[in-house]
Amino acid sequence: MSQIDVDVKSLREAFPEFASECVYPDGYIKRFLTQATMYISRDNRVLRAEVRELGIQYMACHLMALS
């Protein structure tokens, strides 16, 4: 079982609408990435690593949009 690490830089690259460090500071995004891993495990046996990473990024973006 492989555990993945999703970082702020990869989220900003995948979702340019969250690229502004003024509007979305690193700490803010990190908080939502951490929350996203409560819904989508970083060490899931069913999903490939790149699919898990994208799922965690989508969940973090969703949570940020709701906040």
Protein backbone atom coordinates (compact mmCIF):
# COMPACT_ATOMS: atom_id res chain seq x y z
CA MET A 1 0.00 0.00 0.00
CA SER A 2 1.56 3.28 -1.07
CA GLN A 3 0.86 6.53 0.70
CA ILE A 4 0.87 9.73 -1.34
CA ASP A 5 1.66 13.29 -0.35
CA VAL A 6 -0.40 16.04 -1.92
CA ASP A 7 1.19 19.46 -1.67
CA VAL A 8 0.06 23.03 -2.21
CA LYS A 9 2.23 23.46 -5.32
CA SER A 10 0.60 20.52 -7.13
CA LEU A 11 -2.88 21.79 -6.21
CA ARG A 12 -2.07 25.28 -7.51
CA GLU A 13 -0.75 23.79 -10.77
CA ALA A 14 -3.80 21.56 -11.26
CA PHE A 15 -6.31 24.26 -10.28
CA PRO A 16 -5.06 27.71 -11.38
CA GLU A 17 -8.12 29.39 -9.87
CA PHE A 18 -6.38 28.83 -6.51
CA ALA A 19 -2.98 30.13 -7.70
CA SER A 20 -3.11 33.50 -5.92
CA GLU A 21 -1.00 33.32 -2.76
CA CYS A 22 -2.63 36.54 -1.56
CA VAL A 23 -6.16 35.16 -1.76
CA TYR A 24 -5.23 31.55 -0.91
CA PRO A 25 -2.16 31.48 1.36
CA ASP A 26 -0.28 28.18 1.63
CA GLY A 27 -1.48 27.57 5.19
CA TYR A 28 -5.10 27.99 4.11
CA ILE A 29 -4.75 25.43 1.33
CA LYS A 30 -2.80 23.02 3.57
CA ARG A 31 -5.65 23.09 6.07
CA PHE A 32 -8.13 22.01 3.40
CA LEU A 33 -5.77 19.38 1.98
CA THR A 34 -5.58 17.90 5.48
CA GLN A 35 -9.37 17.93 5.77
CA ALA A 36 -9.69 16.33 2.35
CA THR A 37 -7.63 13.35 3.51
CA MET A 38 -10.31 12.73 6.13
CA TYR A 39 -12.66 11.90 3.23
CA ILE A 40 -10.19 10.36 0.76
CA SER A 41 -7.41 8.27 2.22
CA ARG A 42 -3.80 8.94 1.21
CA ASP A 43 -3.20 5.18 1.30
CA ASN A 44 -6.15 3.64 -0.51
CA ARG A 45 -5.68 0.20 -2.07
CA VAL A 46 -8.37 0.62 -4.73
CA LEU A 47 -7.39 3.90 -6.43
CA ARG A 48 -4.09 4.47 -8.21
CA ALA A 49 -1.86 7.14 -6.65
CA GLU A 50 -2.52 9.78 -9.33
CA VAL A 51 -6.28 9.25 -9.03
CA ARG A 52 -6.11 9.55 -5.24
CA GLU A 53 -4.06 12.75 -5.54
CA LEU A 54 -6.59 14.28 -7.92
CA GLY A 55 -9.48 13.19 -5.69
CA ILE A 56 -7.86 14.82 -2.65
CA GLN A 57 -7.24 17.98 -4.66
CA TYR A 58 -10.86 18.06 -5.86
CA MET A 59 -12.13 17.55 -2.31
CA ALA A 60 -9.86 20.33 -0.97
CA CYS A 61 -11.07 22.71 -3.71
CA HIS A 62 -14.67 21.78 -2.97
CA LEU A 63 -14.19 22.50 0.73
CA MET A 64 -12.46 25.81 -0.02
CA ALA A 65 -15.28 26.84 -2.34
CA LEU A 66 -17.80 26.12 0.41
CA SER A 67 -15.92 28.06 3.05
